[in-house]
Each structure stands twice: as structure tokens, then as C-alpha cells.
Amino acid sequence: MAAIEANQAGGTGTTALLRPLLSLPRGLMSLPRGARPFVAAVTVLYLAAIVVGVLTTRVTAADANAFASLVCAALLSIEGSL
């Protein structure tokens, strides 16, 4: 949808899709100078924790069933509350 809107506005679809990614460094640079290394370090540690978790976790059929059941329950809860 964003690509279609960008084409109608005269921009390219690729530019519209990449715009949020290209704005990330500007967000980091808008922080105070002392906060930048802290935010960068927390982000790197977060990504490292995800990689370690993905590489060391074995998913069983029971885990997949439990996950699917919880997702279904969440969807029913959300739709029921509307």
C-alpha cells in the first residue's frame, strides 16, 4: 500500500518502503551525545540475545501446539472484546 501511495505522489516504491529504515540513524543522532552509546549498546545486546536464543532453542511439537493455542486464544479474546 505504501508503495502505491508513493508512486502516486511521485516517489518510488522502494524509497517509500525504505524510508523508516533510513530514518533510524537520524533518530539516534537526535539523542543527547551521552545517551547514544548506551542506546546502541542496548540494541546490540538485545539482538545478540535474540540470536543466542534462536540458536539454542529446540522447538518440539508440544511447544508448537501450545503456541498455536495461545495465539488462537489471544485472537478470540481480541475479537470478543470488540
PDB file of N, CA and C in Angstrom:
ATOM      1  N   MET A   1       0.818  -1.177   0.000  1.00  0.00           N
ATOM      2  CA  MET A   1       0.000   0.000   0.000  1.00  0.00           C
ATOM      3  C   MET A   1       0.872   1.255   0.000  1.00  0.00           C
ATOM      4  N   ALA A   2       1.910   1.275   0.798  1.00  0.00           N
ATOM      5  CA  ALA A   2       2.793   2.434   0.856  1.00  0.00           C
ATOM      6  C   ALA A   2       3.482   2.664  -0.475  1.00  0.00           C
ATOM      7  N   ALA A   3       3.822   1.576  -1.170  1.00  0.00           N
ATOM      8  CA  ALA A   3       4.477   1.717  -2.462  1.00  0.00           C
ATOM      9  C   ALA A   3       3.533   2.348  -3.475  1.00  0.00           C
ATOM     10  N   ILE A   4       2.256   1.987  -3.428  1.00  0.00           N
ATOM     11  CA  ILE A   4       1.281   2.557  -4.353  1.00  0.00           C
ATOM     12  C   ILE A   4       1.102   4.038  -4.073  1.00  0.00           C
ATOM     13  N   GLU A   5       0.986   4.394  -2.802  1.00  0.00           N
ATOM     14  CA  GLU A   5       0.837   5.803  -2.437  1.00  0.00           C
ATOM     15  C   GLU A   5       2.068   6.602  -2.834  1.00  0.00           C
ATOM     16  N   ALA A   6       3.251   6.020  -2.696  1.00  0.00           N
ATOM     17  CA  ALA A   6       4.480   6.720  -3.066  1.00  0.00           C
ATOM     18  C   ALA A   6       4.536   6.937  -4.570  1.00  0.00           C
ATOM     19  N   ASN A   7       4.092   5.943  -5.348  1.00  0.00           N
ATOM     20  CA  ASN A   7       4.086   6.098  -6.795  1.00  0.00           C
ATOM     21  C   ASN A   7       3.107   7.182  -7.214  1.00  0.00           C
ATOM     22  N   GLN A   8       1.972   7.276  -6.544  1.00  0.00           N
ATOM     23  CA  GLN A   8       1.007   8.308  -6.873  1.00  0.00           C
ATOM     24  C   GLN A   8       1.526   9.681  -6.485  1.00  0.00           C
ATOM     25  N   ALA A   9       2.343   9.750  -5.445  1.00  0.00           N
ATOM     26  CA  ALA A   9       2.899  11.024  -5.003  1.00  0.00           C
ATOM     27  C   ALA A   9       4.146  11.399  -5.787  1.00  0.00           C
ATOM     28  N   GLY A  10       4.602  10.533  -6.692  1.00  0.00           N
ATOM     29  CA  GLY A  10       5.770  10.852  -7.493  1.00  0.00           C
ATOM     30  C   GLY A  10       7.045  10.201  -7.001  1.00  0.00           C
ATOM     31  N   GLY A  11       7.009   9.499  -5.875  1.00  0.00           N
ATOM     32  CA  GLY A  11       8.199   8.823  -5.371  1.00  0.00           C
ATOM     33  C   GLY A  11       8.249   7.390  -5.855  1.00  0.00           C
ATOM     34  N   THR A  12       9.348   6.720  -5.590  1.00  0.00           N
ATOM     35  CA  THR A  12       9.448   5.317  -5.985  1.00  0.00           C
ATOM     36  C   THR A  12       8.990   4.442  -4.830  1.00  0.00           C
ATOM     37  N   GLY A  13       8.510   3.251  -5.160  1.00  0.00           N
ATOM     38  CA  GLY A  13       8.043   2.331  -4.129  1.00  0.00           C
ATOM     39  C   GLY A  13       9.152   1.909  -3.189  1.00  0.00           C
ATOM     40  N   THR A  14      10.354   1.712  -3.749  1.00  0.00           N
ATOM     41  CA  THR A  14      11.487   1.302  -2.924  1.00  0.00           C
ATOM     42  C   THR A  14      11.820   2.365  -1.898  1.00  0.00           C
ATOM     43  N   THR A  15      11.804   3.621  -2.302  1.00  0.00           N
ATOM     44  CA  THR A  15      12.105   4.707  -1.378  1.00  0.00           C
ATOM     45  C   THR A  15      11.074   4.748  -0.252  1.00  0.00           C
ATOM     46  N   ALA A  16       9.811   4.558  -0.594  1.00  0.00           N
ATOM     47  CA  ALA A  16       8.759   4.590   0.425  1.00  0.00           C
ATOM     48  C   ALA A  16       8.920   3.447   1.411  1.00  0.00           C
ATOM     49  N   LEU A  17       9.320   2.277   0.924  1.00  0.00           N
ATOM     50  CA  LEU A  17       9.480   1.136   1.816  1.00  0.00           C
ATOM     51  C   LEU A  17      10.723   1.260   2.690  1.00  0.00           C
ATOM     52  N   LEU A  18      11.753   1.928   2.188  1.00  0.00           N
ATOM     53  CA  LEU A  18      12.999   2.049   2.943  1.00  0.00           C
ATOM     54  C   LEU A  18      13.037   3.291   3.829  1.00  0.00           C
ATOM     55  N   ARG A  19      12.091   4.188   3.678  1.00  0.00           N
ATOM     56  CA  ARG A  19      12.119   5.437   4.441  1.00  0.00           C
ATOM     57  C   ARG A  19      12.209   5.218   5.944  1.00  0.00           C
ATOM     58  N   PRO A  20      11.426   4.283   6.550  1.00  0.00           N
ATOM     59  CA  PRO A  20      11.575   4.083   8.001  1.00  0.00           C
ATOM     60  C   PRO A  20      12.968   3.592   8.390  1.00  0.00           C
ATOM     61  N   LEU A  21      13.594   2.762   7.556  1.00  0.00           N
ATOM     62  CA  LEU A  21      14.933   2.269   7.875  1.00  0.00           C
ATOM     63  C   LEU A  21      15.971   3.370   7.733  1.00  0.00           C
ATOM     64  N   LEU A  22      15.778   4.240   6.773  1.00  0.00           N
ATOM     65  CA  LEU A  22      16.739   5.311   6.565  1.00  0.00           C
ATOM     66  C   LEU A  22      16.651   6.376   7.638  1.00  0.00           C
ATOM     67  N   SER A  23      15.524   6.469   8.331  1.00  0.00           N
ATOM     68  CA  SER A  23      15.366   7.489   9.359  1.00  0.00           C
ATOM     69  C   SER A  23      15.904   7.047  10.716  1.00  0.00           C
ATOM     70  N   LEU A  24      16.274   5.767  10.869  1.00  0.00           N
ATOM     71  CA  LEU A  24      16.776   5.292  12.154  1.00  0.00           C
ATOM     72  C   LEU A  24      18.035   6.031  12.615  1.00  0.00           C
ATOM     73  N   PRO A  25      19.054   6.221  11.768  1.00  0.00           N
ATOM     74  CA  PRO A  25      20.232   6.935  12.255  1.00  0.00           C
ATOM     75  C   PRO A  25      19.917   8.358  12.691  1.00  0.00           C
ATOM     76  N   ARG A  26      18.989   9.025  12.024  1.00  0.00           N
ATOM     77  CA  ARG A  26      18.631  10.381  12.439  1.00  0.00           C
ATOM     78  C   ARG A  26      18.000  10.370  13.818  1.00  0.00           C
ATOM     79  N   GLY A  27      17.244   9.323  14.137  1.00  0.00           N
ATOM     80  CA  GLY A  27      16.666   9.217  15.469  1.00  0.00           C
ATOM     81  C   GLY A  27      17.737   9.042  16.525  1.00  0.00           C
ATOM     82  N   LEU A  28      18.743   8.239  16.205  1.00  0.00           N
ATOM     83  CA  LEU A  28      19.852   8.042  17.135  1.00  0.00           C
ATOM     84  C   LEU A  28      20.654   9.322  17.296  1.00  0.00           C
ATOM     85  N   MET A  29      20.867  10.031  16.216  1.00  0.00           N
ATOM     86  CA  MET A  29      21.649  11.257  16.275  1.00  0.00           C
ATOM     87  C   MET A  29      20.907  12.395  16.961  1.00  0.00           C
ATOM     88  N   SER A  30      19.584  12.279  17.092  1.00  0.00           N
ATOM     89  CA  SER A  30      18.832  13.333  17.772  1.00  0.00           C
ATOM     90  C   SER A  30      18.912  13.198  19.295  1.00  0.00           C
ATOM     91  N   LEU A  31      19.437  12.068  19.780  1.00  0.00           N
ATOM     92  CA  LEU A  31      19.594  11.870  21.218  1.00  0.00           C
ATOM     93  C   LEU A  31      20.765  12.688  21.742  1.00  0.00           C
ATOM     94  N   PRO A  32      20.771  12.959  23.034  1.00  0.00           N
ATOM     95  CA  PRO A  32      21.941  13.629  23.618  1.00  0.00           C
ATOM     96  C   PRO A  32      23.201  12.778  23.410  1.00  0.00           C
ATOM     97  N   ARG A  33      24.322  13.436  23.321  1.00  0.00           N
ATOM     98  CA  ARG A  33      25.579  12.756  22.984  1.00  0.00           C
ATOM     99  C   ARG A  33      25.919  11.607  23.931  1.00  0.00           C
ATOM    100  N   GLY A  34      25.670  11.757  25.209  1.00  0.00           N
ATOM    101  CA  GLY A  34      25.987  10.717  26.181  1.00  0.00           C
ATOM    102  C   GLY A  34      25.060   9.507  26.111  1.00  0.00           C
ATOM    103  N   ALA A  35      23.869   9.694  25.572  1.00  0.00           N
ATOM    104  CA  ALA A  35      22.892   8.600  25.509  1.00  0.00           C
ATOM    105  C   ALA A  35      23.105   7.710  24.294  1.00  0.00           C
ATOM    106  N   ARG A  36      23.757   8.208  23.259  1.00  0.00           N
ATOM    107  CA  ARG A  36      23.929   7.445  22.021  1.00  0.00           C
ATOM    108  C   ARG A  36      24.638   6.109  22.225  1.00  0.00           C
ATOM    109  N   PRO A  37      25.788   6.067  22.912  1.00  0.00           N
ATOM    110  CA  PRO A  37      26.441   4.760  23.108  1.00  0.00           C
ATOM    111  C   PRO A  37      25.593   3.800  23.934  1.00  0.00           C
ATOM    112  N   PHE A  38      24.873   4.320  24.921  1.00  0.00           N
ATOM    113  CA  PHE A  38      24.022   3.473  25.744  1.00  0.00           C
ATOM    114  C   PHE A  38      22.913   2.837  24.909  1.00  0.00           C
ATOM    115  N   VAL A  39      22.240   3.628  24.097  1.00  0.00           N
ATOM    116  CA  VAL A  39      21.154   3.114  23.257  1.00  0.00           C
ATOM    117  C   VAL A  39      21.701   2.112  22.245  1.00  0.00           C
ATOM    118  N   ALA A  40      22.843   2.407  21.655  1.00  0.00           N
ATOM    119  CA  ALA A  40      23.452   1.487  20.686  1.00  0.00           C
ATOM    120  C   ALA A  40      23.853   0.171  21.357  1.00  0.00           C
ATOM    121  N   ALA A  41      24.416   0.249  22.560  1.00  0.00           N
ATOM    122  CA  ALA A  41      24.839  -0.960  23.273  1.00  0.00           C
ATOM    123  C   ALA A  41      23.645  -1.817  23.659  1.00  0.00           C
ATOM    124  N   VAL A  42      22.567  -1.196  24.122  1.00  0.00           N
ATOM    125  CA  VAL A  42      21.374  -1.952  24.491  1.00  0.00           C
ATOM    126  C   VAL A  42      20.787  -2.638  23.258  1.00  0.00           C
ATOM    127  N   THR A  43      20.790  -1.956  22.132  1.00  0.00           N
ATOM    128  CA  THR A  43      20.269  -2.540  20.899  1.00  0.00           C
ATOM    129  C   THR A  43      21.110  -3.731  20.460  1.00  0.00           C
ATOM    130  N   VAL A  44      22.434  -3.600  20.523  1.00  0.00           N
ATOM    131  CA  VAL A  44      23.321  -4.699  20.124  1.00  0.00           C
ATOM    132  C   VAL A  44      23.151  -5.887  21.065  1.00  0.00           C
ATOM    133  N   LEU A  45      23.063  -5.642  22.360  1.00  0.00           N
ATOM    134  CA  LEU A  45      22.861  -6.732  23.317  1.00  0.00           C
ATOM    135  C   LEU A  45      21.516  -7.420  23.115  1.00  0.00           C
ATOM    136  N   TYR A  46      20.493  -6.651  22.792  1.00  0.00           N
ATOM    137  CA  TYR A  46      19.174  -7.215  22.524  1.00  0.00           C
ATOM    138  C   TYR A  46      19.227  -8.137  21.309  1.00  0.00           C
ATOM    139  N   LEU A  47      19.853  -7.679  20.239  1.00  0.00           N
ATOM    140  CA  LEU A  47      19.968  -8.509  19.037  1.00  0.00           C
ATOM    141  C   LEU A  47      20.818  -9.758  19.296  1.00  0.00           C
ATOM    142  N   ALA A  48      21.874  -9.618  20.085  1.00  0.00           N
ATOM    143  CA  ALA A  48      22.707 -10.773  20.414  1.00  0.00           C
ATOM    144  C   ALA A  48      21.921 -11.793  21.237  1.00  0.00           C
ATOM    145  N   ALA A  49      21.096 -11.323  22.164  1.00  0.00           N
ATOM    146  CA  ALA A  49      20.281 -12.235  22.966  1.00  0.00           C
ATOM    147  C   ALA A  49      19.281 -12.990  22.091  1.00  0.00           C
ATOM    148  N   ILE A  50      18.715 -12.308  21.097  1.00  0.00           N
ATOM    149  CA  ILE A  50      17.784 -12.980  20.186  1.00  0.00           C
ATOM    150  C   ILE A  50      18.508 -14.053  19.385  1.00  0.00           C
ATOM    151  N   VAL A  51      19.687 -13.741  18.877  1.00  0.00           N
ATOM    152  CA  VAL A  51      20.445 -14.713  18.084  1.00  0.00           C
ATOM    153  C   VAL A  51      20.798 -15.928  18.934  1.00  0.00           C
ATOM    154  N   VAL A  52      21.282 -15.704  20.152  1.00  0.00           N
ATOM    155  CA  VAL A  52      21.629 -16.817  21.043  1.00  0.00           C
ATOM    156  C   VAL A  52      20.389 -17.648  21.358  1.00  0.00           C
ATOM    157  N   GLY A  53      19.282 -17.006  21.619  1.00  0.00           N
ATOM    158  CA  GLY A  53      18.054 -17.731  21.916  1.00  0.00           C
ATOM    159  C   GLY A  53      17.574 -18.577  20.749  1.00  0.00           C
ATOM    160  N   VAL A  54      17.645 -18.031  19.544  1.00  0.00           N
ATOM    161  CA  VAL A  54      17.216 -18.780  18.363  1.00  0.00           C
ATOM    162  C   VAL A  54      18.123 -19.973  18.117  1.00  0.00           C
ATOM    163  N   LEU A  55      19.423 -19.788  18.318  1.00  0.00           N
ATOM    164  CA  LEU A  55      20.369 -20.868  18.047  1.00  0.00           C
ATOM    165  C   LEU A  55      20.350 -21.974  19.098  1.00  0.00           C
ATOM    166  N   THR A  56      19.897 -21.671  20.305  1.00  0.00           N
ATOM    167  CA  THR A  56      19.960 -22.662  21.379  1.00  0.00           C
ATOM    168  C   THR A  56      18.601 -23.247  21.757  1.00  0.00           C
ATOM    169  N   THR A  57      17.549 -22.852  21.087  1.00  0.00           N
ATOM    170  CA  THR A  57      16.211 -23.332  21.425  1.00  0.00           C
ATOM    171  C   THR A  57      15.770 -24.410  20.450  1.00  0.00           C
ATOM    172  N   ARG A  58      15.281 -25.499  20.998  1.00  0.00           N
ATOM    173  CA  ARG A  58      14.711 -26.564  20.177  1.00  0.00           C
ATOM    174  C   ARG A  58      13.197 -26.522  20.351  1.00  0.00           C
ATOM    175  N   VAL A  59      12.502 -26.470  19.243  1.00  0.00           N
ATOM    176  CA  VAL A  59      11.047 -26.401  19.280  1.00  0.00           C
ATOM    177  C   VAL A  59      10.489 -27.798  19.065  1.00  0.00           C
ATOM    178  N   THR A  60       9.648 -28.240  19.980  1.00  0.00           N
ATOM    179  CA  THR A  60       9.000 -29.545  19.856  1.00  0.00           C
ATOM    180  C   THR A  60       7.571 -29.353  19.377  1.00  0.00           C
ATOM    181  N   ALA A  61       6.921 -30.455  19.037  1.00  0.00           N
ATOM    182  CA  ALA A  61       5.529 -30.396  18.598  1.00  0.00           C
ATOM    183  C   ALA A  61       4.633 -29.868  19.714  1.00  0.00           C
ATOM    184  N   ALA A  62       4.930 -30.242  20.948  1.00  0.00           N
ATOM    185  CA  ALA A  62       4.136 -29.756  22.079  1.00  0.00           C
ATOM    186  C   ALA A  62       4.273 -28.246  22.222  1.00  0.00           C
ATOM    187  N   ASP A  63       5.486 -27.729  22.004  1.00  0.00           N
ATOM    188  CA  ASP A  63       5.700 -26.277  22.058  1.00  0.00           C
ATOM    189  C   ASP A  63       4.905 -25.577  20.961  1.00  0.00           C
ATOM    190  N   ALA A  64       4.927 -26.133  19.761  1.00  0.00           N
ATOM    191  CA  ALA A  64       4.194 -25.537  18.646  1.00  0.00           C
ATOM    192  C   ALA A  64       2.693 -25.560  18.910  1.00  0.00           C
ATOM    193  N   ASN A  65       2.194 -26.647  19.478  1.00  0.00           N
ATOM    194  CA  ASN A  65       0.765 -26.734  19.812  1.00  0.00           C
ATOM    195  C   ASN A  65       0.381 -25.713  20.882  1.00  0.00           C
ATOM    196  N   ALA A  66       1.211 -25.572  21.887  1.00  0.00           N
ATOM    197  CA  ALA A  66       0.938 -24.598  22.943  1.00  0.00           C
ATOM    198  C   ALA A  66       0.943 -23.182  22.378  1.00  0.00           C
ATOM    199  N   PHE A  67       1.903 -22.888  21.510  1.00  0.00           N
ATOM    200  CA  PHE A  67       1.982 -21.565  20.886  1.00  0.00           C
ATOM    201  C   PHE A  67       0.738 -21.292  20.052  1.00  0.00           C
ATOM    202  N   ALA A  68       0.333 -22.271  19.234  1.00  0.00           N
ATOM    203  CA  ALA A  68      -0.852 -22.106  18.393  1.00  0.00           C
ATOM    204  C   ALA A  68      -2.098 -21.911  19.247  1.00  0.00           C
ATOM    205  N   SER A  69      -2.207 -22.637  20.337  1.00  0.00           N
ATOM    206  CA  SER A  69      -3.359 -22.495  21.228  1.00  0.00           C
ATOM    207  C   SER A  69      -3.405 -21.104  21.856  1.00  0.00           C
ATOM    208  N   LEU A  70      -2.259 -20.603  22.282  1.00  0.00           N
ATOM    209  CA  LEU A  70      -2.213 -19.270  22.878  1.00  0.00           C
ATOM    210  C   LEU A  70      -2.533 -18.185  21.861  1.00  0.00           C
ATOM    211  N   VAL A  71      -2.055 -18.336  20.632  1.00  0.00           N
ATOM    212  CA  VAL A  71      -2.363 -17.363  19.580  1.00  0.00           C
ATOM    213  C   VAL A  71      -3.857 -17.364  19.296  1.00  0.00           C
ATOM    214  N   CYS A  72      -4.452 -18.543  19.190  1.00  0.00           N
ATOM    215  CA  CYS A  72      -5.899 -18.635  18.959  1.00  0.00           C
ATOM    216  C   CYS A  72      -6.685 -18.013  20.107  1.00  0.00           C
ATOM    217  N   ALA A  73      -6.263 -18.277  21.328  1.00  0.00           N
ATOM    218  CA  ALA A  73      -6.947 -17.694  22.490  1.00  0.00           C
ATOM    219  C   ALA A  73      -6.827 -16.166  22.479  1.00  0.00           C
ATOM    220  N   ALA A  74      -5.670 -15.668  22.107  1.00  0.00           N
ATOM    221  CA  ALA A  74      -5.486 -14.213  22.042  1.00  0.00           C
ATOM    222  C   ALA A  74      -6.374 -13.598  20.955  1.00  0.00           C
ATOM    223  N   LEU A  75      -6.435 -14.260  19.794  1.00  0.00           N
ATOM    224  CA  LEU A  75      -7.297 -13.748  18.724  1.00  0.00           C
ATOM    225  C   LEU A  75      -8.764 -13.754  19.145  1.00  0.00           C
ATOM    226  N   LEU A  76      -9.206 -14.813  19.779  1.00  0.00           N
ATOM    227  CA  LEU A  76     -10.589 -14.871  20.245  1.00  0.00           C
ATOM    228  C   LEU A  76     -10.866 -13.792  21.294  1.00  0.00           C
ATOM    229  N   SER A  77      -9.912 -13.561  22.165  1.00  0.00           N
ATOM    230  CA  SER A  77     -10.064 -12.554  23.199  1.00  0.00           C
ATOM    231  C   SER A  77     -10.160 -11.153  22.582  1.00  0.00           C
ATOM    232  N   ILE A  78      -9.291 -10.876  21.615  1.00  0.00           N
ATOM    233  CA  ILE A  78      -9.291  -9.556  20.975  1.00  0.00           C
ATOM    234  C   ILE A  78     -10.590  -9.345  20.197  1.00  0.00           C
ATOM    235  N   GLU A  79     -10.975 -10.328  19.405  1.00  0.00           N
ATOM    236  CA  GLU A  79     -12.190 -10.203  18.619  1.00  0.00           C
ATOM    237  C   GLU A  79     -13.432 -10.159  19.511  1.00  0.00           C
ATOM    238  N   GLY A  80     -13.407 -10.887  20.595  1.00  0.00           N
ATOM    239  CA  GLY A  80     -14.535 -10.849  21.517  1.00  0.00           C
ATOM    240  C   GLY A  80     -14.681  -9.524  22.221  1.00  0.00           C
ATOM    241  N   SER A  81     -13.578  -8.857  22.463  1.00  0.00           N
ATOM    242  CA  SER A  81     -13.651  -7.571  23.160  1.00  0.00           C
ATOM    243  C   SER A  81     -14.115  -6.444  22.248  1.00  0.00           C
ATOM    244  N   LEU A  82     -14.058  -6.664  20.941  1.00  0.00           N
ATOM    245  CA  LEU A  82     -14.512  -5.623  20.021  1.00  0.00           C
ATOM    246  C   LEU A  82     -16.022  -5.636  19.952  1.00  0.00           C
TER     247      LEU A  82
END
